[in-house]
């Protein structure tokens, strides 16, 4: 009986969990003229372009995972 209750509790926990909003994703492209990067959101698969400072842009490379902290999920 304990195993059944544990299994039921596990399933209910898994079903009640929702994905946390994500402001992270993979950089798909960058633009040196504007110091911008385009990121594909890891939850929604949407693309969004962000304009960075030169120093931040220098450390953001296509293919890298990158998080933007001052925005909501897109």
PDB file of N, CA and C in Angstrom:
ATOM      1  N   UNK A   1       0.820  -1.199   0.000  1.00  0.00           N
ATOM      2  CA  UNK A   1       0.000   0.000   0.000  1.00  0.00           C
ATOM      3  C   UNK A   1       0.864   1.262   0.000  1.00  0.00           C
ATOM      4  N   UNK A   2       1.956   1.217   0.748  1.00  0.00           N
ATOM      5  CA  UNK A   2       2.850   2.382   0.793  1.00  0.00           C
ATOM      6  C   UNK A   2       3.421   2.688  -0.587  1.00  0.00           C
ATOM      7  N   UNK A   3       3.746   1.637  -1.353  1.00  0.00           N
ATOM      8  CA  UNK A   3       4.298   1.837  -2.692  1.00  0.00           C
ATOM      9  C   UNK A   3       3.280   2.502  -3.613  1.00  0.00           C
ATOM     10  N   UNK A   4       2.026   2.089  -3.487  1.00  0.00           N
ATOM     11  CA  UNK A   4       0.965   2.680  -4.310  1.00  0.00           C
ATOM     12  C   UNK A   4       0.799   4.154  -3.965  1.00  0.00           C
ATOM     13  N   UNK A   5       0.766   4.460  -2.679  1.00  0.00           N
ATOM     14  CA  UNK A   5       0.615   5.858  -2.247  1.00  0.00           C
ATOM     15  C   UNK A   5       1.800   6.702  -2.711  1.00  0.00           C
ATOM     16  N   UNK A   6       3.000   6.146  -2.635  1.00  0.00           N
ATOM     17  CA  UNK A   6       4.188   6.865  -3.092  1.00  0.00           C
ATOM     18  C   UNK A   6       4.124   7.111  -4.592  1.00  0.00           C
ATOM     19  N   UNK A   7       3.675   6.112  -5.347  1.00  0.00           N
ATOM     20  CA  UNK A   7       3.551   6.259  -6.796  1.00  0.00           C
ATOM     21  C   UNK A   7       2.512   7.325  -7.141  1.00  0.00           C
ATOM     22  N   UNK A   8       1.373   7.312  -6.460  1.00  0.00           N
ATOM     23  CA  UNK A   8       0.324   8.304  -6.700  1.00  0.00           C
ATOM     24  C   UNK A   8       0.836   9.701  -6.370  1.00  0.00           C
ATOM     25  N   UNK A   9       1.516   9.848  -5.238  1.00  0.00           N
ATOM     26  CA  UNK A   9       2.048  11.143  -4.832  1.00  0.00           C
ATOM     27  C   UNK A   9       3.076  11.646  -5.845  1.00  0.00           C
ATOM     28  N   UNK A  10       3.911  10.759  -6.363  1.00  0.00           N
ATOM     29  CA  UNK A  10       4.922  11.135  -7.351  1.00  0.00           C
ATOM     30  C   UNK A  10       4.269  11.621  -8.639  1.00  0.00           C
ATOM     31  N   UNK A  11       3.274  10.887  -9.110  1.00  0.00           N
ATOM     32  CA  UNK A  11       2.575  11.273 -10.346  1.00  0.00           C
ATOM     33  C   UNK A  11       1.883  12.619 -10.164  1.00  0.00           C
ATOM     34  N   UNK A  12       1.203  12.812  -9.050  1.00  0.00           N
ATOM     35  CA  UNK A  12       0.513  14.084  -8.804  1.00  0.00           C
ATOM     36  C   UNK A  12       1.493  15.241  -8.727  1.00  0.00           C
ATOM     37  N   UNK A  13       2.635  15.015  -8.122  1.00  0.00           N
ATOM     38  CA  UNK A  13       3.652  16.063  -8.038  1.00  0.00           C
ATOM     39  C   UNK A  13       4.160  16.425  -9.419  1.00  0.00           C
ATOM     40  N   UNK A  14       4.407  15.429 -10.243  1.00  0.00           N
ATOM     41  CA  UNK A  14       4.918  15.686 -11.585  1.00  0.00           C
ATOM     42  C   UNK A  14       3.886  16.414 -12.437  1.00  0.00           C
ATOM     43  N   UNK A  15       2.626  16.079 -12.290  1.00  0.00           N
ATOM     44  CA  UNK A  15       1.580  16.720 -13.077  1.00  0.00           C
ATOM     45  C   UNK A  15       1.311  18.156 -12.631  1.00  0.00           C
ATOM     46  N   UNK A  16       1.548  18.447 -11.373  1.00  0.00           N
ATOM     47  CA  UNK A  16       1.253  19.778 -10.866  1.00  0.00           C
ATOM     48  C   UNK A  16       2.376  20.768 -11.136  1.00  0.00           C
ATOM     49  N   UNK A  17       3.541  20.272 -11.508  1.00  0.00           N
ATOM     50  CA  UNK A  17       4.675  21.168 -11.773  1.00  0.00           C
ATOM     51  C   UNK A  17       4.491  21.831 -13.132  1.00  0.00           C
ATOM     52  N   UNK A  18       4.724  23.104 -13.167  1.00  0.00           N
ATOM     53  CA  UNK A  18       4.711  23.806 -14.447  1.00  0.00           C
ATOM     54  C   UNK A  18       6.102  24.361 -14.687  1.00  0.00           C
ATOM     55  N   UNK A  19       6.402  24.603 -15.946  1.00  0.00           N
ATOM     56  CA  UNK A  19       7.715  25.145 -16.272  1.00  0.00           C
ATOM     57  C   UNK A  19       7.843  26.554 -15.715  1.00  0.00           C
ATOM     58  N   UNK A  20       8.998  26.817 -15.168  1.00  0.00           N
ATOM     59  CA  UNK A  20       9.302  28.162 -14.699  1.00  0.00           C
ATOM     60  C   UNK A  20       9.504  29.058 -15.915  1.00  0.00           C
ATOM     61  N   UNK A  21       9.071  30.315 -15.858  1.00  0.00           N
ATOM     62  CA  UNK A  21       9.364  31.229 -16.956  1.00  0.00           C
ATOM     63  C   UNK A  21      10.880  31.320 -17.150  1.00  0.00           C
ATOM     64  N   UNK A  22      11.288  31.323 -18.381  1.00  0.00           N
ATOM     65  CA  UNK A  22      12.719  31.344 -18.667  1.00  0.00           C
ATOM     66  C   UNK A  22      13.093  32.592 -19.450  1.00  0.00           C
ATOM     67  N   UNK A  23      14.175  33.199 -19.034  1.00  0.00           N
ATOM     68  CA  UNK A  23      14.746  34.320 -19.782  1.00  0.00           C
ATOM     69  C   UNK A  23      16.112  33.904 -20.312  1.00  0.00           C
ATOM     70  N   UNK A  24      16.264  32.600 -20.534  1.00  0.00           N
ATOM     71  CA  UNK A  24      17.517  32.042 -21.030  1.00  0.00           C
ATOM     72  C   UNK A  24      17.263  31.305 -22.338  1.00  0.00           C
ATOM     73  N   UNK A  25      18.330  31.151 -23.093  1.00  0.00           N
ATOM     74  CA  UNK A  25      18.235  30.384 -24.318  1.00  0.00           C
ATOM     75  C   UNK A  25      19.579  30.323 -25.007  1.00  0.00           C
ATOM     76  N   UNK A  26      19.571  29.819 -26.241  1.00  0.00           N
ATOM     77  CA  UNK A  26      20.788  29.667 -27.025  1.00  0.00           C
ATOM     78  C   UNK A  26      20.924  30.841 -27.995  1.00  0.00           C
ATOM     79  N   UNK A  27      22.107  31.413 -28.044  1.00  0.00           N
ATOM     80  CA  UNK A  27      22.378  32.503 -28.989  1.00  0.00           C
ATOM     81  C   UNK A  27      22.426  31.908 -30.393  1.00  0.00           C
ATOM     82  N   UNK A  28      21.584  32.432 -31.274  1.00  0.00           N
ATOM     83  CA  UNK A  28      21.549  31.916 -32.646  1.00  0.00           C
ATOM     84  C   UNK A  28      22.269  32.817 -33.632  1.00  0.00           C
ATOM     85  N   UNK A  29      22.440  34.103 -33.279  1.00  0.00           N
ATOM     86  CA  UNK A  29      23.189  35.006 -34.166  1.00  0.00           C
ATOM     87  C   UNK A  29      23.615  36.242 -33.387  1.00  0.00           C
ATOM     88  N   UNK A  30      24.579  36.954 -33.968  1.00  0.00           N
ATOM     89  CA  UNK A  30      25.014  38.212 -33.369  1.00  0.00           C
ATOM     90  C   UNK A  30      25.270  39.236 -34.460  1.00  0.00           C
ATOM     91  N   UNK A  31      25.340  40.499 -34.064  1.00  0.00           N
ATOM     92  CA  UNK A  31      25.532  41.597 -35.008  1.00  0.00           C
ATOM     93  C   UNK A  31      26.556  42.563 -34.414  1.00  0.00           C
ATOM     94  N   UNK A  32      27.719  42.617 -35.021  1.00  0.00           N
ATOM     95  CA  UNK A  32      28.804  43.449 -34.498  1.00  0.00           C
ATOM     96  C   UNK A  32      28.492  44.941 -34.622  1.00  0.00           C
ATOM     97  N   UNK A  33      27.700  45.343 -35.601  1.00  0.00           N
ATOM     98  CA  UNK A  33      27.423  46.766 -35.823  1.00  0.00           C
ATOM     99  C   UNK A  33      26.534  47.355 -34.728  1.00  0.00           C
ATOM    100  N   UNK A  34      25.675  46.531 -34.152  1.00  0.00           N
ATOM    101  CA  UNK A  34      24.750  47.001 -33.112  1.00  0.00           C
ATOM    102  C   UNK A  34      25.047  46.400 -31.738  1.00  0.00           C
ATOM    103  N   UNK A  35      26.056  45.528 -31.652  1.00  0.00           N
ATOM    104  CA  UNK A  35      26.349  44.772 -30.422  1.00  0.00           C
ATOM    105  C   UNK A  35      25.087  44.060 -29.931  1.00  0.00           C
ATOM    106  N   UNK A  36      24.426  43.387 -30.859  1.00  0.00           N
ATOM    107  CA  UNK A  36      23.190  42.686 -30.511  1.00  0.00           C
ATOM    108  C   UNK A  36      23.373  41.186 -30.686  1.00  0.00           C
ATOM    109  N   UNK A  37      22.523  40.434 -29.974  1.00  0.00           N
ATOM    110  CA  UNK A  37      22.462  38.987 -30.132  1.00  0.00           C
ATOM    111  C   UNK A  37      20.994  38.594 -30.250  1.00  0.00           C
ATOM    112  N   UNK A  38      20.744  37.526 -30.974  1.00  0.00           N
ATOM    113  CA  UNK A  38      19.405  36.965 -31.070  1.00  0.00           C
ATOM    114  C   UNK A  38      19.428  35.636 -30.341  1.00  0.00           C
ATOM    115  N   UNK A  39      18.472  35.480 -29.408  1.00  0.00           N
ATOM    116  CA  UNK A  39      18.416  34.294 -28.566  1.00  0.00           C
ATOM    117  C   UNK A  39      17.115  33.544 -28.831  1.00  0.00           C
ATOM    118  N   UNK A  40      17.218  32.211 -28.917  1.00  0.00           N
ATOM    119  CA  UNK A  40      16.040  31.349 -28.996  1.00  0.00           C
ATOM    120  C   UNK A  40      15.732  30.888 -27.575  1.00  0.00           C
ATOM    121  N   UNK A  41      14.557  31.272 -27.051  1.00  0.00           N
ATOM    122  CA  UNK A  41      14.170  30.951 -25.680  1.00  0.00           C
ATOM    123  C   UNK A  41      14.104  29.443 -25.481  1.00  0.00           C
ATOM    124  N   UNK A  42      14.648  28.978 -24.363  1.00  0.00           N
ATOM    125  CA  UNK A  42      14.705  27.536 -24.111  1.00  0.00           C
ATOM    126  C   UNK A  42      13.348  26.928 -23.777  1.00  0.00           C
ATOM    127  N   UNK A  43      12.372  27.718 -23.330  1.00  0.00           N
ATOM    128  CA  UNK A  43      11.027  27.195 -23.030  1.00  0.00           C
ATOM    129  C   UNK A  43      10.073  27.362 -24.199  1.00  0.00           C
ATOM    130  N   UNK A  44      10.049  28.556 -24.776  1.00  0.00           N
ATOM    131  CA  UNK A  44       9.026  28.871 -25.776  1.00  0.00           C
ATOM    132  C   UNK A  44       9.498  28.694 -27.219  1.00  0.00           C
ATOM    133  N   UNK A  45      10.797  28.607 -27.417  1.00  0.00           N
ATOM    134  CA  UNK A  45      11.391  28.502 -28.761  1.00  0.00           C
ATOM    135  C   UNK A  45      11.267  29.794 -29.559  1.00  0.00           C
ATOM    136  N   UNK A  46      10.795  30.876 -28.942  1.00  0.00           N
ATOM    137  CA  UNK A  46      10.685  32.162 -29.614  1.00  0.00           C
ATOM    138  C   UNK A  46      12.049  32.820 -29.727  1.00  0.00           C
ATOM    139  N   UNK A  47      12.204  33.652 -30.748  1.00  0.00           N
ATOM    140  CA  UNK A  47      13.440  34.407 -30.946  1.00  0.00           C
ATOM    141  C   UNK A  47      13.249  35.848 -30.485  1.00  0.00           C
ATOM    142  N   UNK A  48      14.298  36.431 -29.909  1.00  0.00           N
ATOM    143  CA  UNK A  48      14.260  37.842 -29.540  1.00  0.00           C
ATOM    144  C   UNK A  48      15.678  38.393 -29.628  1.00  0.00           C
ATOM    145  N   UNK A  49      15.783  39.624 -30.105  1.00  0.00           N
ATOM    146  CA  UNK A  49      17.073  40.297 -30.228  1.00  0.00           C
ATOM    147  C   UNK A  49      17.276  41.223 -29.045  1.00  0.00           C
ATOM    148  N   UNK A  50      18.478  41.174 -28.476  1.00  0.00           N
ATOM    149  CA  UNK A  50      18.848  42.017 -27.344  1.00  0.00           C
ATOM    150  C   UNK A  50      20.080  42.820 -27.710  1.00  0.00           C
ATOM    151  N   UNK A  51      20.122  44.065 -27.263  1.00  0.00           N
ATOM    152  CA  UNK A  51      21.251  44.952 -27.512  1.00  0.00           C
ATOM    153  C   UNK A  51      22.091  45.010 -26.249  1.00  0.00           C
ATOM    154  N   UNK A  52      23.363  44.646 -26.372  1.00  0.00           N
ATOM    155  CA  UNK A  52      24.257  44.531 -25.235  1.00  0.00           C
ATOM    156  C   UNK A  52      25.302  45.640 -25.242  1.00  0.00           C
ATOM    157  N   UNK A  53      25.994  45.766 -24.127  1.00  0.00           N
ATOM    158  CA  UNK A  53      27.162  46.641 -24.120  1.00  0.00           C
ATOM    159  C   UNK A  53      28.267  45.918 -24.899  1.00  0.00           C
ATOM    160  N   UNK A  54      29.251  46.658 -25.320  1.00  0.00           N
ATOM    161  CA  UNK A  54      30.338  46.063 -26.100  1.00  0.00           C
ATOM    162  C   UNK A  54      31.026  44.937 -25.318  1.00  0.00           C
ATOM    163  N   UNK A  55      31.266  45.162 -24.039  1.00  0.00           N
ATOM    164  CA  UNK A  55      31.931  44.153 -23.217  1.00  0.00           C
ATOM    165  C   UNK A  55      31.121  42.877 -23.074  1.00  0.00           C
ATOM    166  N   UNK A  56      29.810  43.012 -22.865  1.00  0.00           N
ATOM    167  CA  UNK A  56      28.947  41.834 -22.762  1.00  0.00           C
ATOM    168  C   UNK A  56      28.859  41.114 -24.105  1.00  0.00           C
ATOM    169  N   UNK A  57      28.785  41.889 -25.184  1.00  0.00           N
ATOM    170  CA  UNK A  57      28.682  41.297 -26.515  1.00  0.00           C
ATOM    171  C   UNK A  57      29.932  40.479 -26.846  1.00  0.00           C
ATOM    172  N   UNK A  58      31.092  40.953 -26.403  1.00  0.00           N
ATOM    173  CA  UNK A  58      32.354  40.250 -26.683  1.00  0.00           C
ATOM    174  C   UNK A  58      32.374  38.854 -26.043  1.00  0.00           C
ATOM    175  N   UNK A  59      31.601  38.650 -24.974  1.00  0.00           N
ATOM    176  CA  UNK A  59      31.575  37.368 -24.273  1.00  0.00           C
ATOM    177  C   UNK A  59      30.372  36.505 -24.634  1.00  0.00           C
ATOM    178  N   UNK A  60      29.559  36.941 -25.577  1.00  0.00           N
ATOM    179  CA  UNK A  60      28.358  36.204 -25.988  1.00  0.00           C
ATOM    180  C   UNK A  60      28.573  35.684 -27.404  1.00  0.00           C
ATOM    181  N   UNK A  61      28.692  34.381 -27.523  1.00  0.00           N
ATOM    182  CA  UNK A  61      29.016  33.778 -28.820  1.00  0.00           C
ATOM    183  C   UNK A  61      27.877  32.894 -29.313  1.00  0.00           C
ATOM    184  N   UNK A  62      27.589  32.924 -30.625  1.00  0.00           N
ATOM    185  CA  UNK A  62      26.562  32.036 -31.167  1.00  0.00           C
ATOM    186  C   UNK A  62      26.829  30.588 -30.751  1.00  0.00           C
ATOM    187  N   UNK A  63      25.753  29.923 -30.326  1.00  0.00           N
ATOM    188  CA  UNK A  63      25.849  28.552 -29.853  1.00  0.00           C
ATOM    189  C   UNK A  63      25.907  28.453 -28.338  1.00  0.00           C
ATOM    190  N   UNK A  64      26.271  29.563 -27.674  1.00  0.00           N
ATOM    191  CA  UNK A  64      26.327  29.576 -26.203  1.00  0.00           C
ATOM    192  C   UNK A  64      24.935  29.747 -25.622  1.00  0.00           C
ATOM    193  N   UNK A  65      24.736  29.230 -24.418  1.00  0.00           N
ATOM    194  CA  UNK A  65      23.532  29.537 -23.652  1.00  0.00           C
ATOM    195  C   UNK A  65      23.745  30.887 -22.997  1.00  0.00           C
ATOM    196  N   UNK A  66      22.688  31.694 -22.942  1.00  0.00           N
ATOM    197  CA  UNK A  66      22.807  33.055 -22.407  1.00  0.00           C
ATOM    198  C   UNK A  66      21.499  33.419 -21.723  1.00  0.00           C
ATOM    199  N   UNK A  67      21.594  34.083 -20.585  1.00  0.00           N
ATOM    200  CA  UNK A  67      20.411  34.528 -19.851  1.00  0.00           C
ATOM    201  C   UNK A  67      20.377  36.044 -19.812  1.00  0.00           C
ATOM    202  N   UNK A  68      19.198  36.601 -19.984  1.00  0.00           N
ATOM    203  CA  UNK A  68      18.973  38.042 -19.871  1.00  0.00           C
ATOM    204  C   UNK A  68      18.199  38.260 -18.576  1.00  0.00           C
ATOM    205  N   UNK A  69      18.730  39.079 -17.689  1.00  0.00           N
ATOM    206  CA  UNK A  69      18.125  39.205 -16.358  1.00  0.00           C
ATOM    207  C   UNK A  69      17.104  40.324 -16.249  1.00  0.00           C
ATOM    208  N   UNK A  70      17.131  41.298 -17.106  1.00  0.00           N
ATOM    209  CA  UNK A  70      16.232  42.450 -16.954  1.00  0.00           C
ATOM    210  C   UNK A  70      15.063  42.408 -17.944  1.00  0.00           C
ATOM    211  N   UNK A  71      14.487  41.223 -18.137  1.00  0.00           N
ATOM    212  CA  UNK A  71      13.362  41.085 -19.053  1.00  0.00           C
ATOM    213  C   UNK A  71      12.438  39.977 -18.551  1.00  0.00           C
ATOM    214  N   UNK A  72      11.264  39.894 -19.159  1.00  0.00           N
ATOM    215  CA  UNK A  72      10.353  38.795 -18.866  1.00  0.00           C
ATOM    216  C   UNK A  72      10.492  37.748 -19.967  1.00  0.00           C
ATOM    217  N   UNK A  73       9.895  36.582 -19.747  1.00  0.00           N
ATOM    218  CA  UNK A  73       9.971  35.530 -20.758  1.00  0.00           C
ATOM    219  C   UNK A  73       9.338  36.023 -22.057  1.00  0.00           C
ATOM    220  N   UNK A  74       9.947  35.660 -23.161  1.00  0.00           N
ATOM    221  CA  UNK A  74       9.424  36.067 -24.466  1.00  0.00           C
ATOM    222  C   UNK A  74       8.953  34.878 -25.256  1.00  0.00           C
TER     223      UNK A  74
END
